[in-house]
């Protein structure tokens, strides 16, 4: 995708002293390994308007790792961590990333709790309504459903 500098978020990731004008090409990837393990990156900045190259020591990558394991039929343990390939000796940046990751994870916990509560209150599901941006999530759900169906067939 091509976007401009995102104030606040990019100031944290790359430092406000590295702001640039114009657009940059970014590639954000999510790797789905199983329902229990997902890795996402913050976005690789591939190109910045008006610059010949992108310095990875400034515009590096942060990877977020998500590992989930069921505890009961209605609860799951959610482990997360992150790594990066730049600003490695910046302890303030490490602390800010840790807090940002925690804030996002806690939003996930709240959202998952709300979804769980509604699934209990309204077990019948209507037709799935999807936007173009839902394609990847839909594919993941279909992979999971196929695995559940295969597991159920073996159990019979």
N, C-alpha and C. Protein backbone atom coordinates (compact mmCIF):
# COMPACT_ATOMS: atom_id res chain seq x y z
N UNK A 1 0.84 -1.18 0.00
CA UNK A 1 0.00 0.00 0.00
C UNK A 1 0.88 1.23 0.00
N UNK A 2 0.33 2.32 -0.46
CA UNK A 2 1.05 3.58 -0.44
C UNK A 2 0.33 4.55 0.49
N UNK A 3 1.07 5.07 1.44
CA UNK A 3 0.49 5.97 2.43
C UNK A 3 1.48 7.08 2.76
N UNK A 4 0.97 8.16 3.38
CA UNK A 4 1.89 9.20 3.86
C UNK A 4 2.41 8.82 5.25
N UNK A 5 3.24 9.66 5.81
CA UNK A 5 3.73 9.49 7.18
C UNK A 5 2.52 9.46 8.11
N UNK A 6 2.46 8.52 9.00
CA UNK A 6 1.36 8.40 9.96
C UNK A 6 1.84 9.00 11.28
N UNK A 7 1.42 10.24 11.55
CA UNK A 7 1.87 10.94 12.76
C UNK A 7 1.53 10.12 14.00
N UNK A 8 2.35 10.24 14.99
CA UNK A 8 2.15 9.50 16.23
C UNK A 8 2.74 8.10 16.12
N UNK A 9 2.12 7.24 15.30
CA UNK A 9 2.57 5.86 15.17
C UNK A 9 3.97 5.79 14.55
N UNK A 10 4.18 6.48 13.44
CA UNK A 10 5.49 6.47 12.80
C UNK A 10 6.52 7.25 13.61
N UNK A 11 6.05 8.29 14.32
CA UNK A 11 6.96 9.00 15.20
C UNK A 11 7.54 8.03 16.23
N UNK A 12 6.69 7.15 16.75
CA UNK A 12 7.14 6.15 17.70
C UNK A 12 8.08 5.14 17.03
N UNK A 13 7.65 4.60 15.89
CA UNK A 13 8.43 3.55 15.23
C UNK A 13 9.76 4.04 14.68
N UNK A 14 9.75 5.20 14.05
CA UNK A 14 10.94 5.62 13.30
C UNK A 14 11.58 6.91 13.79
N UNK A 15 10.93 7.59 14.72
CA UNK A 15 11.46 8.85 15.24
C UNK A 15 10.98 10.03 14.43
N UNK A 16 10.47 11.04 15.11
CA UNK A 16 9.93 12.20 14.41
C UNK A 16 11.00 12.93 13.59
N UNK A 17 12.26 12.78 13.98
CA UNK A 17 13.35 13.42 13.22
C UNK A 17 13.52 12.79 11.83
N UNK A 18 12.91 11.64 11.58
CA UNK A 18 13.03 10.96 10.29
C UNK A 18 11.79 11.12 9.41
N UNK A 19 10.90 12.04 9.80
CA UNK A 19 9.70 12.29 9.00
C UNK A 19 10.07 12.62 7.56
N UNK A 20 9.16 12.27 6.66
CA UNK A 20 9.36 12.58 5.25
C UNK A 20 8.03 13.04 4.67
N UNK A 21 8.12 13.76 3.56
CA UNK A 21 6.93 14.19 2.84
C UNK A 21 6.66 13.18 1.74
N UNK A 22 5.46 13.20 1.22
CA UNK A 22 5.11 12.29 0.13
C UNK A 22 4.67 10.93 0.66
N UNK A 23 4.55 10.03 -0.29
CA UNK A 23 4.06 8.69 0.03
C UNK A 23 5.22 7.71 0.16
N UNK A 24 4.93 6.61 0.79
CA UNK A 24 5.89 5.51 0.84
C UNK A 24 5.15 4.21 0.55
N UNK A 25 5.84 3.28 -0.05
CA UNK A 25 5.27 1.97 -0.34
C UNK A 25 5.59 1.05 0.84
N UNK A 26 4.57 0.46 1.38
CA UNK A 26 4.71 -0.41 2.54
C UNK A 26 4.07 -1.76 2.25
N UNK A 27 4.72 -2.80 2.73
CA UNK A 27 4.17 -4.15 2.63
C UNK A 27 3.96 -4.68 4.04
N UNK A 28 2.70 -4.94 4.39
CA UNK A 28 2.37 -5.52 5.69
C UNK A 28 1.97 -6.97 5.43
N UNK A 29 2.55 -7.86 6.20
CA UNK A 29 2.28 -9.29 5.99
C UNK A 29 1.83 -9.93 7.29
N UNK A 30 0.90 -10.86 7.16
CA UNK A 30 0.50 -11.72 8.27
C UNK A 30 0.70 -13.14 7.81
N UNK A 31 1.41 -13.91 8.62
CA UNK A 31 1.66 -15.31 8.32
C UNK A 31 0.81 -16.16 9.25
N UNK A 32 -0.04 -16.96 8.69
CA UNK A 32 -0.92 -17.84 9.45
C UNK A 32 -0.34 -19.24 9.39
N UNK A 33 0.16 -19.71 10.52
CA UNK A 33 0.76 -21.04 10.57
C UNK A 33 -0.23 -22.09 11.05
N UNK A 34 -1.13 -21.70 11.90
CA UNK A 34 -2.17 -22.59 12.42
C UNK A 34 -3.11 -21.73 13.25
N UNK A 35 -4.20 -22.28 13.72
CA UNK A 35 -5.05 -21.47 14.59
C UNK A 35 -4.31 -21.02 15.85
N UNK A 36 -3.20 -21.68 16.15
CA UNK A 36 -2.49 -21.39 17.40
C UNK A 36 -1.30 -20.46 17.23
N UNK A 37 -0.88 -20.16 16.00
CA UNK A 37 0.32 -19.34 15.83
C UNK A 37 0.20 -18.44 14.60
N UNK A 38 0.37 -17.14 14.84
CA UNK A 38 0.29 -16.14 13.78
C UNK A 38 1.42 -15.14 13.98
N UNK A 39 2.03 -14.70 12.88
CA UNK A 39 3.07 -13.67 12.93
C UNK A 39 2.68 -12.54 11.99
N UNK A 40 2.81 -11.32 12.47
CA UNK A 40 2.49 -10.14 11.68
C UNK A 40 3.66 -9.18 11.75
N UNK A 41 3.90 -8.43 10.66
CA UNK A 41 4.94 -7.41 10.74
C UNK A 41 4.31 -6.03 10.71
N UNK A 42 5.07 -5.05 11.17
CA UNK A 42 4.60 -3.67 11.25
C UNK A 42 4.53 -3.00 9.90
N UNK A 43 5.14 -3.61 8.94
CA UNK A 43 5.18 -3.04 7.60
C UNK A 43 6.59 -2.75 7.17
N UNK A 44 6.98 -3.36 6.11
CA UNK A 44 8.29 -3.07 5.53
C UNK A 44 8.15 -1.87 4.61
N UNK A 45 8.86 -0.80 4.91
CA UNK A 45 8.84 0.35 4.02
C UNK A 45 9.80 0.04 2.88
N UNK A 46 9.24 -0.14 1.70
CA UNK A 46 10.01 -0.57 0.54
C UNK A 46 10.59 0.60 -0.24
N UNK A 47 9.85 1.72 -0.25
CA UNK A 47 10.26 2.87 -1.07
C UNK A 47 9.64 4.12 -0.47
N UNK A 48 10.40 5.21 -0.47
CA UNK A 48 9.90 6.51 0.00
C UNK A 48 10.06 7.50 -1.14
N UNK A 49 8.97 8.21 -1.47
CA UNK A 49 9.04 9.21 -2.53
C UNK A 49 10.21 10.16 -2.30
N UNK A 50 11.00 10.38 -3.34
CA UNK A 50 12.09 11.34 -3.28
C UNK A 50 13.38 10.80 -2.68
N UNK A 51 13.40 9.54 -2.28
CA UNK A 51 14.62 8.95 -1.72
C UNK A 51 15.10 7.83 -2.62
N UNK A 52 16.40 7.74 -2.78
CA UNK A 52 16.98 6.68 -3.62
C UNK A 52 16.92 5.31 -2.95
N UNK A 53 16.97 5.31 -1.62
CA UNK A 53 16.95 4.03 -0.90
C UNK A 53 16.31 4.24 0.47
N UNK A 54 15.99 3.15 1.11
CA UNK A 54 15.40 3.17 2.44
C UNK A 54 16.41 2.55 3.40
N UNK A 55 16.80 3.30 4.41
CA UNK A 55 17.80 2.84 5.38
C UNK A 55 17.13 1.92 6.40
N UNK A 56 17.43 0.60 6.39
CA UNK A 56 16.79 -0.32 7.32
C UNK A 56 17.20 -0.07 8.78
N UNK A 57 18.29 0.65 9.00
CA UNK A 57 18.67 0.98 10.37
C UNK A 57 17.72 2.02 10.97
N UNK A 58 17.01 2.76 10.11
CA UNK A 58 16.02 3.75 10.55
C UNK A 58 14.61 3.22 10.37
N UNK A 59 14.34 2.68 9.18
CA UNK A 59 13.00 2.22 8.84
C UNK A 59 12.96 0.69 8.83
N UNK A 60 13.20 0.12 10.01
CA UNK A 60 13.24 -1.33 10.13
C UNK A 60 11.86 -1.94 10.29
N UNK A 61 11.86 -3.17 10.73
CA UNK A 61 10.63 -3.96 10.83
C UNK A 61 10.44 -4.43 12.26
N UNK A 62 9.19 -4.38 12.72
CA UNK A 62 8.81 -4.97 13.99
C UNK A 62 7.91 -6.16 13.66
N UNK A 63 8.22 -7.31 14.25
CA UNK A 63 7.39 -8.50 14.06
C UNK A 63 6.66 -8.80 15.36
N UNK A 64 5.38 -9.12 15.21
CA UNK A 64 4.54 -9.46 16.36
C UNK A 64 4.17 -10.93 16.25
N UNK A 65 4.32 -11.65 17.35
CA UNK A 65 4.06 -13.09 17.38
C UNK A 65 2.88 -13.35 18.32
N UNK A 66 1.96 -14.18 17.86
CA UNK A 66 0.76 -14.50 18.64
C UNK A 66 0.66 -16.02 18.75
N UNK A 67 0.64 -16.52 19.97
CA UNK A 67 0.47 -17.95 20.19
C UNK A 67 -0.72 -18.15 21.12
N UNK A 68 -1.63 -19.01 20.71
CA UNK A 68 -2.84 -19.23 21.48
C UNK A 68 -3.00 -20.72 21.76
N UNK A 69 -3.49 -21.03 22.95
CA UNK A 69 -3.77 -22.42 23.27
C UNK A 69 -5.03 -22.47 24.13
N UNK A 70 -5.98 -23.33 23.75
CA UNK A 70 -7.23 -23.41 24.51
C UNK A 70 -6.99 -23.91 25.94
N UNK A 71 -7.77 -23.36 26.85
CA UNK A 71 -7.75 -23.82 28.23
C UNK A 71 -9.01 -24.63 28.51
N UNK A 72 -10.17 -24.06 28.14
CA UNK A 72 -11.46 -24.73 28.28
C UNK A 72 -12.23 -24.47 27.00
N UNK A 73 -13.49 -24.89 26.97
CA UNK A 73 -14.32 -24.65 25.79
C UNK A 73 -14.57 -23.17 25.56
N UNK A 74 -14.40 -22.36 26.59
CA UNK A 74 -14.69 -20.93 26.43
C UNK A 74 -13.56 -20.03 26.93
N UNK A 75 -12.36 -20.58 27.09
CA UNK A 75 -11.24 -19.72 27.49
C UNK A 75 -9.96 -20.18 26.78
N UNK A 76 -9.09 -19.23 26.55
CA UNK A 76 -7.85 -19.49 25.81
C UNK A 76 -6.72 -18.68 26.42
N UNK A 77 -5.54 -19.28 26.46
CA UNK A 77 -4.34 -18.54 26.85
C UNK A 77 -3.78 -17.87 25.60
N UNK A 78 -3.43 -16.61 25.72
CA UNK A 78 -2.96 -15.83 24.58
C UNK A 78 -1.58 -15.28 24.95
N UNK A 79 -0.56 -15.74 24.25
CA UNK A 79 0.80 -15.28 24.48
C UNK A 79 1.22 -14.42 23.29
N UNK A 80 1.90 -13.33 23.57
CA UNK A 80 2.38 -12.50 22.47
C UNK A 80 3.75 -11.95 22.81
N UNK A 81 4.49 -11.68 21.77
CA UNK A 81 5.79 -11.05 21.92
C UNK A 81 6.10 -10.33 20.61
N UNK A 82 7.22 -9.66 20.58
CA UNK A 82 7.62 -8.97 19.36
C UNK A 82 9.13 -8.96 19.28
N UNK A 83 9.62 -8.73 18.08
CA UNK A 83 11.06 -8.54 17.86
C UNK A 83 11.21 -7.46 16.79
N UNK A 84 12.42 -6.96 16.66
CA UNK A 84 12.68 -5.93 15.66
C UNK A 84 14.11 -6.05 15.18
N UNK A 85 14.38 -5.39 14.05
CA UNK A 85 15.73 -5.44 13.47
C UNK A 85 16.38 -4.06 13.41
N UNK A 86 15.92 -3.12 14.21
CA UNK A 86 16.50 -1.77 14.22
C UNK A 86 16.29 -1.15 15.61
N UNK A 87 17.05 -0.10 15.89
CA UNK A 87 16.99 0.59 17.19
C UNK A 87 17.14 -0.42 18.34
N UNK A 88 18.07 -1.34 18.17
CA UNK A 88 18.21 -2.45 19.11
C UNK A 88 18.70 -2.03 20.49
N UNK A 89 19.40 -0.94 20.60
CA UNK A 89 19.92 -0.50 21.90
C UNK A 89 19.08 0.62 22.52
N UNK A 90 17.91 0.86 21.96
CA UNK A 90 17.05 1.94 22.42
C UNK A 90 16.05 1.40 23.45
N UNK A 91 16.41 1.51 24.74
CA UNK A 91 15.56 0.96 25.80
C UNK A 91 14.21 1.66 25.89
N UNK A 92 14.18 2.97 25.63
CA UNK A 92 12.90 3.70 25.66
C UNK A 92 11.97 3.18 24.56
N UNK A 93 12.54 2.91 23.40
CA UNK A 93 11.75 2.36 22.29
C UNK A 93 11.24 0.97 22.67
N UNK A 94 12.07 0.16 23.29
CA UNK A 94 11.64 -1.17 23.73
C UNK A 94 10.45 -1.06 24.69
N UNK A 95 10.54 -0.16 25.65
CA UNK A 95 9.46 0.02 26.61
C UNK A 95 8.18 0.52 25.93
N UNK A 96 8.32 1.44 24.98
CA UNK A 96 7.15 1.97 24.27
C UNK A 96 6.49 0.88 23.43
N UNK A 97 7.30 0.07 22.74
CA UNK A 97 6.74 -1.04 21.96
C UNK A 97 6.02 -2.04 22.86
N UNK A 98 6.63 -2.34 23.98
CA UNK A 98 6.02 -3.28 24.93
C UNK A 98 4.66 -2.77 25.39
N UNK A 99 4.59 -1.48 25.73
CA UNK A 99 3.32 -0.91 26.18
C UNK A 99 2.29 -0.88 25.05
N UNK A 100 2.73 -0.51 23.85
CA UNK A 100 1.82 -0.49 22.70
C UNK A 100 1.28 -1.90 22.44
N UNK A 101 2.15 -2.90 22.45
CA UNK A 101 1.72 -4.28 22.22
C UNK A 101 0.74 -4.72 23.29
N UNK A 102 1.02 -4.38 24.54
CA UNK A 102 0.11 -4.74 25.63
C UNK A 102 -1.25 -4.07 25.44
N UNK A 103 -1.27 -2.80 25.08
CA UNK A 103 -2.53 -2.09 24.86
C UNK A 103 -3.36 -2.77 23.77
N UNK A 104 -2.71 -3.13 22.67
CA UNK A 104 -3.42 -3.79 21.57
C UNK A 104 -3.94 -5.14 22.02
N UNK A 105 -3.10 -5.92 22.72
CA UNK A 105 -3.54 -7.25 23.18
C UNK A 105 -4.73 -7.14 24.12
N UNK A 106 -4.72 -6.14 25.00
CA UNK A 106 -5.85 -5.99 25.92
C UNK A 106 -7.13 -5.61 25.17
N UNK A 107 -7.00 -4.85 24.08
CA UNK A 107 -8.16 -4.58 23.24
C UNK A 107 -8.67 -5.89 22.63
N UNK A 108 -7.74 -6.76 22.22
CA UNK A 108 -8.12 -8.07 21.69
C UNK A 108 -8.87 -8.88 22.74
N UNK A 109 -8.40 -8.84 23.98
CA UNK A 109 -9.04 -9.59 25.07
C UNK A 109 -10.48 -9.10 25.27
N UNK A 110 -10.65 -7.79 25.29
CA UNK A 110 -11.99 -7.23 25.46
C UNK A 110 -12.89 -7.63 24.29
N UNK A 111 -12.38 -7.51 23.06
CA UNK A 111 -13.18 -7.86 21.87
C UNK A 111 -13.54 -9.34 21.89
N UNK A 112 -12.58 -10.22 22.21
CA UNK A 112 -12.86 -11.66 22.24
C UNK A 112 -13.90 -11.98 23.31
N UNK A 113 -13.84 -11.31 24.44
CA UNK A 113 -14.85 -11.52 25.49
C UNK A 113 -16.23 -11.10 25.03
N UNK A 114 -16.31 -9.99 24.32
CA UNK A 114 -17.60 -9.53 23.79
C UNK A 114 -18.15 -10.51 22.76
N UNK A 115 -17.28 -11.00 21.90
CA UNK A 115 -17.71 -11.98 20.89
C UNK A 115 -18.20 -13.25 21.57
N UNK A 116 -17.46 -13.75 22.54
CA UNK A 116 -17.84 -14.96 23.27
C UNK A 116 -19.20 -14.79 23.93
N UNK A 117 -19.40 -13.64 24.56
CA UNK A 117 -20.68 -13.38 25.24
C UNK A 117 -21.83 -13.38 24.24
N UNK A 118 -21.63 -12.76 23.09
CA UNK A 118 -22.70 -12.71 22.08
C UNK A 118 -22.97 -14.09 21.46
N UNK A 119 -21.92 -14.88 21.28
CA UNK A 119 -22.11 -16.23 20.76
C UNK A 119 -22.95 -17.07 21.72
N UNK A 120 -22.79 -16.86 23.02
CA UNK A 120 -23.61 -17.58 24.00
C UNK A 120 -25.04 -17.06 23.99
N UNK A 121 -25.20 -15.76 23.84
CA UNK A 121 -26.55 -15.16 23.85
C UNK A 121 -27.30 -15.43 22.56
N UNK A 122 -26.61 -15.45 21.44
CA UNK A 122 -27.23 -15.61 20.12
C UNK A 122 -26.52 -16.71 19.35
N UNK A 123 -26.76 -17.98 19.70
CA UNK A 123 -25.99 -19.06 19.06
C UNK A 123 -26.29 -19.26 17.56
N UNK A 124 -27.48 -18.89 17.12
CA UNK A 124 -27.79 -19.04 15.69
C UNK A 124 -27.10 -17.94 14.91
N UNK A 125 -26.39 -18.33 13.89
CA UNK A 125 -25.66 -17.34 13.10
C UNK A 125 -26.36 -17.12 11.76
N UNK A 126 -26.41 -15.88 11.35
CA UNK A 126 -26.97 -15.52 10.06
C UNK A 126 -25.91 -15.69 8.98
N UNK A 127 -26.25 -15.29 7.77
CA UNK A 127 -25.26 -15.39 6.69
C UNK A 127 -24.07 -14.47 6.96
N UNK A 128 -22.91 -14.91 6.53
CA UNK A 128 -21.70 -14.13 6.74
C UNK A 128 -21.64 -13.00 5.71
N UNK A 129 -21.44 -11.79 6.20
CA UNK A 129 -21.32 -10.62 5.33
C UNK A 129 -19.85 -10.22 5.31
N UNK A 130 -19.27 -10.18 4.14
CA UNK A 130 -17.84 -9.94 4.01
C UNK A 130 -17.55 -8.72 3.16
N UNK A 131 -16.50 -8.02 3.54
CA UNK A 131 -15.94 -6.96 2.72
C UNK A 131 -14.70 -7.51 2.04
N UNK A 132 -14.20 -6.83 1.05
CA UNK A 132 -13.00 -7.28 0.33
C UNK A 132 -11.84 -7.52 1.29
N UNK A 133 -11.73 -6.68 2.31
CA UNK A 133 -10.64 -6.81 3.27
C UNK A 133 -10.76 -8.04 4.17
N UNK A 134 -11.91 -8.73 4.14
CA UNK A 134 -12.14 -9.91 4.96
C UNK A 134 -11.69 -11.21 4.29
N UNK A 135 -11.19 -11.15 3.07
CA UNK A 135 -10.87 -12.36 2.31
C UNK A 135 -9.87 -13.25 3.05
N UNK A 136 -8.80 -12.68 3.56
CA UNK A 136 -7.78 -13.50 4.25
C UNK A 136 -8.37 -14.16 5.50
N UNK A 137 -9.13 -13.41 6.29
CA UNK A 137 -9.74 -13.98 7.50
C UNK A 137 -10.73 -15.08 7.13
N UNK A 138 -11.48 -14.89 6.04
CA UNK A 138 -12.42 -15.91 5.59
C UNK A 138 -11.67 -17.19 5.20
N UNK A 139 -10.55 -17.05 4.51
CA UNK A 139 -9.75 -18.22 4.12
C UNK A 139 -9.26 -18.97 5.35
N UNK A 140 -8.82 -18.23 6.35
CA UNK A 140 -8.36 -18.86 7.60
C UNK A 140 -9.51 -19.62 8.26
N UNK A 141 -10.68 -19.00 8.35
CA UNK A 141 -11.82 -19.69 8.96
C UNK A 141 -12.18 -20.95 8.19
N UNK A 142 -12.09 -20.92 6.89
CA UNK A 142 -12.39 -22.11 6.09
C UNK A 142 -11.35 -23.21 6.31
N UNK A 143 -10.09 -22.83 6.45
CA UNK A 143 -9.05 -23.82 6.75
C UNK A 143 -9.33 -24.47 8.10
N UNK A 144 -9.65 -23.64 9.09
CA UNK A 144 -9.95 -24.17 10.42
C UNK A 144 -11.16 -25.09 10.37
N UNK A 145 -12.22 -24.68 9.66
CA UNK A 145 -13.43 -25.51 9.57
C UNK A 145 -13.13 -26.84 8.90
N UNK A 146 -12.32 -26.83 7.86
CA UNK A 146 -11.95 -28.08 7.19
C UNK A 146 -11.20 -29.00 8.14
N UNK A 147 -10.33 -28.45 8.96
CA UNK A 147 -9.60 -29.27 9.94
C UNK A 147 -10.54 -29.82 11.00
N UNK A 148 -11.49 -29.00 11.45
CA UNK A 148 -12.48 -29.47 12.42
C UNK A 148 -13.34 -30.58 11.82
N UNK A 149 -13.76 -30.41 10.58
CA UNK A 149 -14.57 -31.43 9.90
C UNK A 149 -13.79 -32.72 9.76
N UNK A 150 -12.51 -32.64 9.39
CA UNK A 150 -11.68 -33.83 9.25
C UNK A 150 -11.48 -34.52 10.60
N UNK A 151 -11.29 -33.74 11.64
CA UNK A 151 -11.15 -34.32 12.99
C UNK A 151 -12.43 -35.00 13.44
N UNK A 152 -13.57 -34.39 13.15
CA UNK A 152 -14.87 -34.98 13.53
C UNK A 152 -15.10 -36.28 12.76
N UNK A 153 -14.70 -36.32 11.49
CA UNK A 153 -14.90 -37.54 10.69
C UNK A 153 -14.08 -38.70 11.24
N UNK A 154 -12.88 -38.43 11.72
CA UNK A 154 -12.03 -39.46 12.30
C UNK A 154 -12.62 -39.97 13.61
N UNK A 155 -13.23 -39.06 14.38
CA UNK A 155 -13.80 -39.41 15.68
C UNK A 155 -15.05 -40.28 15.55
N UNK A 156 -15.70 -40.24 14.40
CA UNK A 156 -16.96 -41.00 14.22
C UNK A 156 -16.71 -42.42 14.02
